[in-house]
N, C-alpha and C. Protein backbone atom coordinates (compact mmCIF):
# COMPACT_ATOMS: atom_id res chain seq x y z
N MET A 1 0.83 -1.19 0.00
CA MET A 1 0.00 0.00 0.00
C MET A 1 0.87 1.25 0.00
N SER A 2 0.49 2.20 -0.82
CA SER A 2 1.26 3.45 -0.86
C SER A 2 0.60 4.49 0.04
N LYS A 3 1.42 5.39 0.52
CA LYS A 3 0.93 6.46 1.38
C LYS A 3 0.08 7.42 0.56
N PRO A 4 -0.96 7.97 1.15
CA PRO A 4 -1.71 8.98 0.41
C PRO A 4 -0.84 10.22 0.25
N LYS A 5 -0.96 10.88 -0.90
CA LYS A 5 -0.16 12.06 -1.18
C LYS A 5 -0.71 13.26 -0.39
N ILE A 6 0.20 13.96 0.27
CA ILE A 6 -0.18 15.16 1.01
C ILE A 6 -0.17 16.32 0.02
N THR A 7 -1.28 16.99 -0.09
CA THR A 7 -1.40 18.07 -1.07
C THR A 7 -1.00 19.41 -0.46
N ASP A 8 -0.64 20.34 -1.34
CA ASP A 8 -0.33 21.69 -0.89
C ASP A 8 -1.55 22.32 -0.23
N GLU A 9 -2.72 22.03 -0.75
CA GLU A 9 -3.96 22.58 -0.18
C GLU A 9 -4.11 22.15 1.28
N PHE A 10 -3.86 20.88 1.53
CA PHE A 10 -3.93 20.35 2.90
C PHE A 10 -2.90 21.05 3.79
N LEU A 11 -1.70 21.22 3.28
CA LEU A 11 -0.63 21.87 4.05
C LEU A 11 -0.95 23.34 4.32
N LEU A 12 -1.52 24.01 3.33
CA LEU A 12 -1.88 25.42 3.51
C LEU A 12 -2.95 25.59 4.58
N LYS A 13 -3.90 24.68 4.61
CA LYS A 13 -4.93 24.73 5.65
C LYS A 13 -4.29 24.57 7.03
N GLY A 14 -3.37 23.65 7.14
CA GLY A 14 -2.66 23.46 8.40
C GLY A 14 -1.83 24.68 8.78
N LEU A 15 -1.18 25.26 7.80
CA LEU A 15 -0.36 26.45 8.03
C LEU A 15 -1.23 27.60 8.55
N LEU A 16 -2.41 27.76 7.97
CA LEU A 16 -3.33 28.80 8.42
C LEU A 16 -3.69 28.64 9.89
N LYS A 17 -3.72 27.40 10.35
CA LYS A 17 -4.05 27.11 11.75
C LYS A 17 -2.80 27.09 12.63
N LYS A 18 -1.67 27.49 12.06
CA LYS A 18 -0.38 27.49 12.76
C LYS A 18 0.00 26.09 13.23
N ASP A 19 -0.28 25.11 12.40
CA ASP A 19 0.07 23.72 12.68
C ASP A 19 1.55 23.52 12.35
N LYS A 20 2.35 23.29 13.38
CA LYS A 20 3.81 23.14 13.20
C LYS A 20 4.15 21.96 12.31
N LYS A 21 3.38 20.88 12.40
CA LYS A 21 3.65 19.71 11.56
C LYS A 21 3.45 20.05 10.08
N ALA A 22 2.43 20.82 9.77
CA ALA A 22 2.19 21.22 8.39
C ALA A 22 3.36 22.09 7.90
N PHE A 23 3.80 23.01 8.74
CA PHE A 23 4.94 23.86 8.38
C PHE A 23 6.19 23.01 8.15
N ASP A 24 6.44 22.07 9.05
CA ASP A 24 7.62 21.21 8.92
C ASP A 24 7.58 20.41 7.62
N LEU A 25 6.41 19.94 7.24
CA LEU A 25 6.28 19.21 5.97
C LEU A 25 6.56 20.11 4.77
N ILE A 26 6.04 21.33 4.83
CA ILE A 26 6.31 22.31 3.76
C ILE A 26 7.81 22.54 3.66
N TYR A 27 8.43 22.71 4.80
CA TYR A 27 9.88 22.94 4.85
C TYR A 27 10.62 21.76 4.22
N GLU A 28 10.26 20.55 4.63
CA GLU A 28 10.92 19.35 4.10
C GLU A 28 10.71 19.20 2.59
N MET A 29 9.51 19.51 2.14
CA MET A 29 9.19 19.33 0.71
C MET A 29 9.87 20.37 -0.17
N TYR A 30 10.05 21.59 0.32
CA TYR A 30 10.47 22.69 -0.56
C TYR A 30 11.84 23.27 -0.28
N TRP A 31 12.40 23.04 0.91
CA TRP A 31 13.65 23.73 1.23
C TRP A 31 14.73 23.49 0.19
N LYS A 32 15.00 22.26 -0.14
CA LYS A 32 16.10 21.94 -1.06
C LYS A 32 15.86 22.55 -2.44
N ARG A 33 14.64 22.44 -2.93
CA ARG A 33 14.34 23.00 -4.26
C ARG A 33 14.49 24.52 -4.27
N LEU A 34 14.03 25.17 -3.21
CA LEU A 34 14.16 26.63 -3.13
C LEU A 34 15.64 27.03 -3.02
N PHE A 35 16.39 26.26 -2.24
CA PHE A 35 17.82 26.55 -2.11
C PHE A 35 18.51 26.42 -3.46
N LEU A 36 18.23 25.35 -4.20
CA LEU A 36 18.85 25.16 -5.52
C LEU A 36 18.46 26.28 -6.48
N TYR A 37 17.22 26.71 -6.40
CA TYR A 37 16.76 27.83 -7.24
C TYR A 37 17.55 29.10 -6.90
N ALA A 38 17.67 29.39 -5.61
CA ALA A 38 18.43 30.56 -5.17
C ALA A 38 19.90 30.43 -5.57
N TYR A 39 20.44 29.22 -5.45
CA TYR A 39 21.86 29.00 -5.75
C TYR A 39 22.16 29.20 -7.23
N LYS A 40 21.21 28.91 -8.09
CA LYS A 40 21.41 29.16 -9.53
C LYS A 40 21.61 30.64 -9.80
N ILE A 41 21.03 31.47 -8.96
CA ILE A 41 21.14 32.91 -9.14
C ILE A 41 22.35 33.47 -8.41
N PHE A 42 22.54 33.12 -7.14
CA PHE A 42 23.57 33.72 -6.30
C PHE A 42 24.87 32.93 -6.24
N GLU A 43 24.81 31.65 -6.34
CA GLU A 43 25.98 30.78 -6.27
C GLU A 43 26.83 31.00 -5.02
N ASP A 44 26.16 31.27 -3.91
CA ASP A 44 26.84 31.41 -2.63
C ASP A 44 25.98 30.70 -1.60
N LYS A 45 26.54 29.63 -1.05
CA LYS A 45 25.76 28.76 -0.15
C LYS A 45 25.18 29.53 1.03
N ALA A 46 25.99 30.31 1.70
CA ALA A 46 25.54 31.00 2.91
C ALA A 46 24.41 31.99 2.60
N ILE A 47 24.57 32.76 1.55
CA ILE A 47 23.54 33.74 1.20
C ILE A 47 22.26 33.04 0.78
N CYS A 48 22.38 31.98 0.01
CA CYS A 48 21.20 31.25 -0.44
C CYS A 48 20.46 30.62 0.74
N GLU A 49 21.22 30.08 1.68
CA GLU A 49 20.59 29.53 2.89
C GLU A 49 19.84 30.62 3.64
N ASP A 50 20.46 31.79 3.77
CA ASP A 50 19.80 32.91 4.45
C ASP A 50 18.52 33.33 3.75
N VAL A 51 18.59 33.41 2.43
CA VAL A 51 17.42 33.81 1.65
C VAL A 51 16.27 32.83 1.86
N VAL A 52 16.56 31.55 1.75
CA VAL A 52 15.51 30.53 1.90
C VAL A 52 14.98 30.53 3.33
N GLN A 53 15.87 30.65 4.32
CA GLN A 53 15.42 30.69 5.71
C GLN A 53 14.48 31.88 5.93
N GLU A 54 14.83 33.01 5.38
CA GLU A 54 14.00 34.21 5.52
C GLU A 54 12.61 33.99 4.91
N VAL A 55 12.55 33.31 3.79
CA VAL A 55 11.26 33.01 3.16
C VAL A 55 10.41 32.15 4.09
N PHE A 56 11.02 31.14 4.68
CA PHE A 56 10.27 30.27 5.58
C PHE A 56 9.86 30.98 6.87
N ILE A 57 10.71 31.84 7.37
CA ILE A 57 10.36 32.61 8.57
C ILE A 57 9.14 33.48 8.29
N LYS A 58 9.18 34.17 7.16
CA LYS A 58 8.05 35.04 6.80
C LYS A 58 6.79 34.23 6.52
N LEU A 59 6.97 33.06 5.92
CA LEU A 59 5.82 32.20 5.66
C LEU A 59 5.13 31.86 6.98
N TRP A 60 5.90 31.47 7.97
CA TRP A 60 5.34 31.10 9.28
C TRP A 60 4.73 32.31 9.98
N GLU A 61 5.47 33.41 10.01
CA GLU A 61 5.02 34.59 10.73
C GLU A 61 3.76 35.20 10.12
N ASN A 62 3.64 35.15 8.80
CA ASN A 62 2.53 35.81 8.10
C ASN A 62 1.48 34.84 7.58
N ALA A 63 1.50 33.62 8.02
CA ALA A 63 0.59 32.60 7.50
C ALA A 63 -0.87 33.01 7.62
N GLU A 64 -1.23 33.60 8.73
CA GLU A 64 -2.63 33.98 8.94
C GLU A 64 -3.01 35.23 8.18
N LYS A 65 -2.04 36.05 7.80
CA LYS A 65 -2.30 37.33 7.15
C LYS A 65 -2.44 37.21 5.63
N ARG A 66 -1.82 36.20 5.06
CA ARG A 66 -1.81 36.06 3.59
C ARG A 66 -2.72 34.93 3.15
N GLU A 67 -3.38 35.17 2.06
CA GLU A 67 -4.19 34.11 1.48
C GLU A 67 -3.41 33.54 0.30
N ILE A 68 -2.79 32.41 0.52
CA ILE A 68 -1.96 31.77 -0.49
C ILE A 68 -2.81 30.74 -1.22
N GLN A 69 -2.90 30.91 -2.53
CA GLN A 69 -3.68 29.99 -3.34
C GLN A 69 -2.87 28.76 -3.74
N LEU A 70 -1.67 29.00 -4.27
CA LEU A 70 -0.80 27.93 -4.74
C LEU A 70 0.54 28.06 -4.03
N LEU A 71 0.87 27.06 -3.26
CA LEU A 71 2.04 27.12 -2.39
C LEU A 71 3.35 27.20 -3.17
N GLU A 72 3.56 26.30 -4.10
CA GLU A 72 4.84 26.24 -4.81
C GLU A 72 5.17 27.55 -5.53
N PRO A 73 4.26 28.08 -6.37
CA PRO A 73 4.59 29.35 -7.03
C PRO A 73 4.82 30.49 -6.03
N TYR A 74 4.06 30.47 -4.94
CA TYR A 74 4.23 31.49 -3.92
C TYR A 74 5.64 31.44 -3.33
N LEU A 75 6.11 30.25 -2.98
CA LEU A 75 7.44 30.11 -2.38
C LEU A 75 8.55 30.52 -3.35
N PHE A 76 8.43 30.13 -4.60
CA PHE A 76 9.47 30.49 -5.57
C PHE A 76 9.48 32.01 -5.83
N ARG A 77 8.29 32.61 -5.88
CA ARG A 77 8.23 34.07 -6.03
C ARG A 77 8.86 34.76 -4.82
N ALA A 78 8.60 34.21 -3.63
CA ALA A 78 9.15 34.79 -2.41
C ALA A 78 10.69 34.73 -2.42
N VAL A 79 11.24 33.62 -2.88
CA VAL A 79 12.70 33.51 -2.97
C VAL A 79 13.24 34.52 -3.98
N LYS A 80 12.57 34.61 -5.11
CA LYS A 80 13.00 35.57 -6.14
C LYS A 80 12.95 37.00 -5.58
N TYR A 81 11.92 37.31 -4.84
CA TYR A 81 11.77 38.63 -4.23
C TYR A 81 12.91 38.90 -3.23
N GLN A 82 13.21 37.92 -2.38
CA GLN A 82 14.29 38.06 -1.40
C GLN A 82 15.63 38.28 -2.09
N ILE A 83 15.87 37.57 -3.18
CA ILE A 83 17.11 37.74 -3.93
C ILE A 83 17.18 39.14 -4.52
N SER A 84 16.06 39.61 -5.07
CA SER A 84 16.02 40.97 -5.62
C SER A 84 16.34 41.99 -4.54
N ASN A 85 15.78 41.79 -3.35
CA ASN A 85 16.08 42.70 -2.24
C ASN A 85 17.56 42.67 -1.89
N ALA A 86 18.14 41.50 -1.88
CA ALA A 86 19.56 41.38 -1.55
C ALA A 86 20.41 42.12 -2.57
N ILE A 87 20.08 41.99 -3.83
CA ILE A 87 20.83 42.68 -4.89
C ILE A 87 20.64 44.19 -4.77
N ARG A 88 19.40 44.62 -4.51
CA ARG A 88 19.14 46.05 -4.36
C ARG A 88 19.91 46.60 -3.15
N ASN A 89 19.92 45.87 -2.05
CA ASN A 89 20.68 46.31 -0.87
C ASN A 89 22.16 46.38 -1.17
N LEU A 90 22.66 45.46 -1.97
CA LEU A 90 24.07 45.47 -2.36
C LEU A 90 24.38 46.75 -3.13
N LYS A 91 23.51 47.13 -4.05
CA LYS A 91 23.73 48.34 -4.83
C LYS A 91 23.71 49.58 -3.94
N GLN A 92 22.77 49.63 -2.98
CA GLN A 92 22.70 50.78 -2.07
C GLN A 92 23.95 50.85 -1.21
N THR A 93 24.42 49.72 -0.74
CA THR A 93 25.62 49.68 0.09
C THR A 93 26.83 50.10 -0.73
N SER A 94 26.85 49.74 -2.00
CA SER A 94 27.95 50.13 -2.87
C SER A 94 28.02 51.64 -3.00
N GLN A 95 26.86 52.29 -3.05
CA GLN A 95 26.86 53.75 -3.14
C GLN A 95 27.43 54.36 -1.87
N ILE A 96 27.10 53.80 -0.72
CA ILE A 96 27.66 54.28 0.55
C ILE A 96 29.17 54.07 0.55
N ASP A 97 29.60 52.94 0.04
CA ASP A 97 31.03 52.62 -0.03
C ASP A 97 31.79 53.67 -0.85
N GLN A 98 31.17 54.20 -1.88
CA GLN A 98 31.82 55.18 -2.73
C GLN A 98 32.00 56.51 -2.02
N VAL A 99 31.12 56.83 -1.08
CA VAL A 99 31.19 58.09 -0.34
C VAL A 99 32.23 58.02 0.78
N LEU A 100 32.41 56.84 1.37
CA LEU A 100 33.28 56.68 2.53
C LEU A 100 34.69 57.25 2.33
N PRO A 101 35.38 56.98 1.21
CA PRO A 101 36.73 57.53 1.07
C PRO A 101 36.78 59.07 1.03
N LEU A 102 35.69 59.70 0.68
CA LEU A 102 35.67 61.16 0.58
C LEU A 102 35.45 61.84 1.93
N LEU A 103 35.06 61.09 2.91
CA LEU A 103 34.65 61.68 4.18
C LEU A 103 35.78 62.37 4.93
N HIS A 104 36.98 61.86 4.85
CA HIS A 104 38.06 62.41 5.67
C HIS A 104 38.31 63.88 5.37
N THR A 105 38.00 64.34 4.16
CA THR A 105 38.21 65.75 3.83
C THR A 105 37.09 66.62 4.35
N GLU A 106 35.94 66.02 4.68
CA GLU A 106 34.79 66.80 5.11
C GLU A 106 34.58 66.77 6.62
N LEU A 107 35.25 65.91 7.34
CA LEU A 107 35.05 65.80 8.78
C LEU A 107 35.96 66.77 9.53
N ALA A 108 35.44 67.24 10.63
CA ALA A 108 36.23 68.10 11.50
C ALA A 108 37.35 67.27 12.13
N PRO A 109 38.46 67.94 12.54
CA PRO A 109 39.58 67.19 13.12
C PRO A 109 39.20 66.32 14.31
N ASP A 110 38.24 66.77 15.14
CA ASP A 110 37.88 65.96 16.30
C ASP A 110 37.12 64.70 15.91
N ASN A 111 36.64 64.64 14.69
CA ASN A 111 35.92 63.46 14.22
C ASN A 111 36.82 62.49 13.46
N LEU A 112 38.06 62.89 13.22
CA LEU A 112 38.97 62.02 12.48
C LEU A 112 39.27 60.73 13.23
N LEU A 113 39.31 60.79 14.55
CA LEU A 113 39.55 59.59 15.34
C LEU A 113 38.45 58.56 15.09
N GLU A 114 37.20 59.03 15.08
CA GLU A 114 36.09 58.12 14.81
C GLU A 114 36.19 57.54 13.41
N LEU A 115 36.60 58.37 12.46
CA LEU A 115 36.76 57.88 11.09
C LEU A 115 37.84 56.80 11.05
N GLU A 116 38.95 57.03 11.75
CA GLU A 116 40.03 56.04 11.79
C GLU A 116 39.54 54.73 12.42
N GLU A 117 38.73 54.85 13.47
CA GLU A 117 38.17 53.65 14.10
C GLU A 117 37.25 52.91 13.13
N THR A 118 36.50 53.66 12.36
CA THR A 118 35.61 53.04 11.37
C THR A 118 36.41 52.31 10.31
N VAL A 119 37.44 52.96 9.81
CA VAL A 119 38.29 52.34 8.79
C VAL A 119 38.95 51.09 9.36
N GLU A 120 39.40 51.16 10.60
CA GLU A 120 40.02 50.00 11.24
C GLU A 120 39.00 48.86 11.39
N ALA A 121 37.78 49.21 11.77
CA ALA A 121 36.73 48.19 11.90
C ALA A 121 36.42 47.54 10.55
N ILE A 122 36.42 48.35 9.50
CA ILE A 122 36.19 47.81 8.16
C ILE A 122 37.33 46.87 7.78
N ASN A 123 38.55 47.31 8.00
CA ASN A 123 39.72 46.47 7.66
C ASN A 123 39.71 45.16 8.44
N ASN A 124 39.37 45.21 9.72
CA ASN A 124 39.28 43.98 10.52
C ASN A 124 38.19 43.07 10.00
N SER A 125 37.08 43.66 9.60
CA SER A 125 35.98 42.86 9.05
C SER A 125 36.39 42.17 7.75
N VAL A 126 37.10 42.89 6.92
CA VAL A 126 37.56 42.33 5.64
C VAL A 126 38.52 41.17 5.90
N GLU A 127 39.39 41.31 6.89
CA GLU A 127 40.33 40.24 7.22
C GLU A 127 39.62 38.97 7.69
N GLN A 128 38.44 39.10 8.28
CA GLN A 128 37.69 37.96 8.80
C GLN A 128 36.88 37.23 7.72
N LEU A 129 36.77 37.83 6.56
CA LEU A 129 35.97 37.23 5.49
C LEU A 129 36.63 35.95 4.97
N PRO A 130 35.82 35.02 4.45
CA PRO A 130 36.40 33.84 3.78
C PRO A 130 37.28 34.30 2.60
N GLU A 131 38.27 33.53 2.26
CA GLU A 131 39.28 33.91 1.27
C GLU A 131 38.69 34.44 -0.03
N LYS A 132 37.81 33.68 -0.64
CA LYS A 132 37.24 34.08 -1.94
C LYS A 132 36.44 35.37 -1.82
N CYS A 133 35.68 35.48 -0.76
CA CYS A 133 34.87 36.66 -0.51
C CYS A 133 35.78 37.89 -0.32
N ARG A 134 36.86 37.71 0.44
CA ARG A 134 37.81 38.80 0.68
C ARG A 134 38.48 39.23 -0.62
N GLN A 135 38.87 38.26 -1.45
CA GLN A 135 39.50 38.59 -2.74
C GLN A 135 38.57 39.43 -3.60
N ILE A 136 37.31 39.02 -3.66
CA ILE A 136 36.34 39.74 -4.49
C ILE A 136 36.12 41.15 -3.94
N TYR A 137 36.01 41.27 -2.63
CA TYR A 137 35.83 42.58 -2.02
C TYR A 137 37.01 43.50 -2.36
N ILE A 138 38.21 42.99 -2.22
CA ILE A 138 39.42 43.79 -2.48
C ILE A 138 39.47 44.20 -3.96
N LEU A 139 39.17 43.26 -4.85
CA LEU A 139 39.17 43.60 -6.28
C LEU A 139 38.14 44.69 -6.59
N SER A 140 37.01 44.63 -5.91
CA SER A 140 35.95 45.59 -6.16
C SER A 140 36.25 46.94 -5.52
N ARG A 141 36.57 46.92 -4.24
CA ARG A 141 36.65 48.18 -3.49
C ARG A 141 38.02 48.84 -3.51
N GLU A 142 39.07 48.05 -3.58
CA GLU A 142 40.41 48.63 -3.54
C GLU A 142 41.03 48.75 -4.94
N GLU A 143 40.73 47.78 -5.80
CA GLU A 143 41.29 47.85 -7.15
C GLU A 143 40.27 48.41 -8.15
N HIS A 144 39.06 48.66 -7.68
CA HIS A 144 38.01 49.33 -8.45
C HIS A 144 37.65 48.60 -9.75
N LEU A 145 37.66 47.27 -9.70
CA LEU A 145 37.23 46.50 -10.86
C LEU A 145 35.71 46.38 -10.84
N SER A 146 35.11 46.32 -12.01
CA SER A 146 33.67 46.12 -12.09
C SER A 146 33.35 44.67 -11.75
N ASN A 147 32.09 44.41 -11.45
CA ASN A 147 31.67 43.04 -11.16
C ASN A 147 31.96 42.12 -12.34
N LYS A 148 31.76 42.65 -13.53
CA LYS A 148 32.00 41.86 -14.74
C LYS A 148 33.49 41.53 -14.89
N GLU A 149 34.34 42.50 -14.60
CA GLU A 149 35.78 42.28 -14.69
C GLU A 149 36.24 41.25 -13.65
N ILE A 150 35.68 41.35 -12.46
CA ILE A 150 36.03 40.40 -11.40
C ILE A 150 35.58 38.99 -11.80
N ALA A 151 34.37 38.89 -12.31
CA ALA A 151 33.83 37.59 -12.73
C ALA A 151 34.74 36.97 -13.80
N HIS A 152 35.16 37.77 -14.75
CA HIS A 152 36.03 37.27 -15.83
C HIS A 152 37.39 36.85 -15.26
N GLN A 153 37.96 37.67 -14.41
CA GLN A 153 39.28 37.38 -13.84
C GLN A 153 39.26 36.12 -12.98
N MET A 154 38.18 35.91 -12.23
CA MET A 154 38.12 34.77 -11.31
C MET A 154 37.39 33.57 -11.91
N ASN A 155 36.92 33.73 -13.14
CA ASN A 155 36.21 32.66 -13.84
C ASN A 155 34.97 32.19 -13.07
N ILE A 156 34.16 33.17 -12.64
CA ILE A 156 32.90 32.91 -11.96
C ILE A 156 31.83 33.81 -12.57
N SER A 157 30.59 33.60 -12.20
CA SER A 157 29.52 34.41 -12.77
C SER A 157 29.45 35.77 -12.07
N VAL A 158 28.84 36.73 -12.74
CA VAL A 158 28.64 38.06 -12.17
C VAL A 158 27.75 37.95 -10.93
N ARG A 159 26.77 37.07 -10.98
CA ARG A 159 25.89 36.87 -9.83
C ARG A 159 26.67 36.37 -8.61
N THR A 160 27.66 35.54 -8.84
CA THR A 160 28.48 35.05 -7.74
C THR A 160 29.28 36.21 -7.14
N VAL A 161 29.79 37.06 -8.00
CA VAL A 161 30.51 38.25 -7.53
C VAL A 161 29.58 39.10 -6.67
N GLU A 162 28.37 39.34 -7.19
CA GLU A 162 27.40 40.15 -6.44
C GLU A 162 27.07 39.51 -5.09
N ALA A 163 26.93 38.20 -5.09
CA ALA A 163 26.61 37.50 -3.85
C ALA A 163 27.74 37.65 -2.83
N HIS A 164 28.98 37.50 -3.28
CA HIS A 164 30.12 37.64 -2.37
C HIS A 164 30.23 39.08 -1.85
N LEU A 165 29.99 40.05 -2.72
CA LEU A 165 30.04 41.44 -2.28
C LEU A 165 28.93 41.73 -1.28
N TYR A 166 27.76 41.18 -1.53
CA TYR A 166 26.65 41.34 -0.60
C TYR A 166 27.03 40.76 0.77
N LYS A 167 27.60 39.57 0.74
CA LYS A 167 28.01 38.92 2.00
C LYS A 167 29.07 39.77 2.71
N ALA A 168 30.07 40.23 1.96
CA ALA A 168 31.14 41.03 2.56
C ALA A 168 30.60 42.31 3.18
N LEU A 169 29.75 42.99 2.45
CA LEU A 169 29.21 44.25 2.95
C LEU A 169 28.28 44.03 4.14
N SER A 170 27.57 42.92 4.14
CA SER A 170 26.72 42.59 5.29
C SER A 170 27.56 42.36 6.53
N VAL A 171 28.66 41.63 6.39
CA VAL A 171 29.55 41.36 7.52
C VAL A 171 30.16 42.67 8.03
N ILE A 172 30.58 43.51 7.10
CA ILE A 172 31.20 44.78 7.49
C ILE A 172 30.19 45.65 8.24
N LYS A 173 28.98 45.77 7.69
CA LYS A 173 27.96 46.58 8.36
C LYS A 173 27.67 46.05 9.76
N LYS A 174 27.57 44.74 9.87
CA LYS A 174 27.28 44.13 11.17
C LYS A 174 28.41 44.41 12.16
N ASN A 175 29.64 44.29 11.71
CA ASN A 175 30.80 44.43 12.60
C ASN A 175 31.08 45.86 13.02
N ILE A 176 30.77 46.81 12.19
CA ILE A 176 31.10 48.18 12.59
C ILE A 176 29.97 48.85 13.34
N GLY A 177 28.82 48.25 13.33
CA GLY A 177 27.67 48.65 14.14
C GLY A 177 27.55 50.11 14.48
N GLU A 178 27.79 50.45 15.74
CA GLU A 178 27.56 51.80 16.24
C GLU A 178 28.48 52.82 15.58
N VAL A 179 29.70 52.44 15.30
CA VAL A 179 30.62 53.37 14.66
C VAL A 179 30.09 53.76 13.29
N TYR A 180 29.59 52.77 12.58
CA TYR A 180 29.03 53.01 11.24
C TYR A 180 27.79 53.88 11.35
N MET A 181 26.96 53.63 12.36
CA MET A 181 25.77 54.43 12.55
C MET A 181 26.16 55.87 12.85
N TRP A 182 27.19 56.06 13.70
CA TRP A 182 27.64 57.40 14.02
C TRP A 182 28.13 58.10 12.76
N LEU A 183 28.87 57.38 11.94
CA LEU A 183 29.40 57.95 10.72
C LEU A 183 28.27 58.40 9.81
N GLY A 184 27.22 57.61 9.73
CA GLY A 184 26.06 57.98 8.94
C GLY A 184 25.43 59.27 9.47
N LEU A 185 25.37 59.42 10.78
CA LEU A 185 24.83 60.65 11.36
C LEU A 185 25.74 61.84 11.06
N ALA A 186 27.06 61.60 11.08
CA ALA A 186 27.99 62.68 10.75
C ALA A 186 27.80 63.15 9.33
N ILE A 187 27.53 62.22 8.43
CA ILE A 187 27.30 62.60 7.02
C ILE A 187 26.01 63.38 6.92
N TRP A 188 25.01 62.94 7.66
CA TRP A 188 23.70 63.57 7.60
C TRP A 188 23.76 65.04 8.02
N PHE A 189 24.52 65.32 9.08
CA PHE A 189 24.60 66.67 9.59
C PHE A 189 25.72 67.42 8.89
């Protein structure tokens, strides 16, 4: 005798009721496929895992608020949306990165110490990055190569370059925390 097939409709009904077993089944059925889909775009295991995890977290948190008709297309669209957000955030962070070297000429002398601390925090963060990620960051930010040039030089896709830069910039932002926030306020005023 074969097991009866569990349908997405059945799982969605369980999810609406906050049934953890239904959620766990959805996770088991779709996690790997969603990860592979994300990996085809980003080609970075850690970032893809984060993207898929975020999709599942939002699925659980917002289950009662959203009316999902078809589970599979919904999940794949959600992953695509999360990836788009990651790329957009990477571009915004890149713009901030371009302003950072110009700051030392605009800051008052008493703020130079904070700037030096920020630069030191960035350098320490870069040193902590995985080798490939660090290489890509250095090629991009210090040698000013385009993503396409880096991809060609390292024989990887442009998306992989973007993914590594996103990861690097995320680590840097996380590590410099308050100093980075202060620097943003200094720019604002």
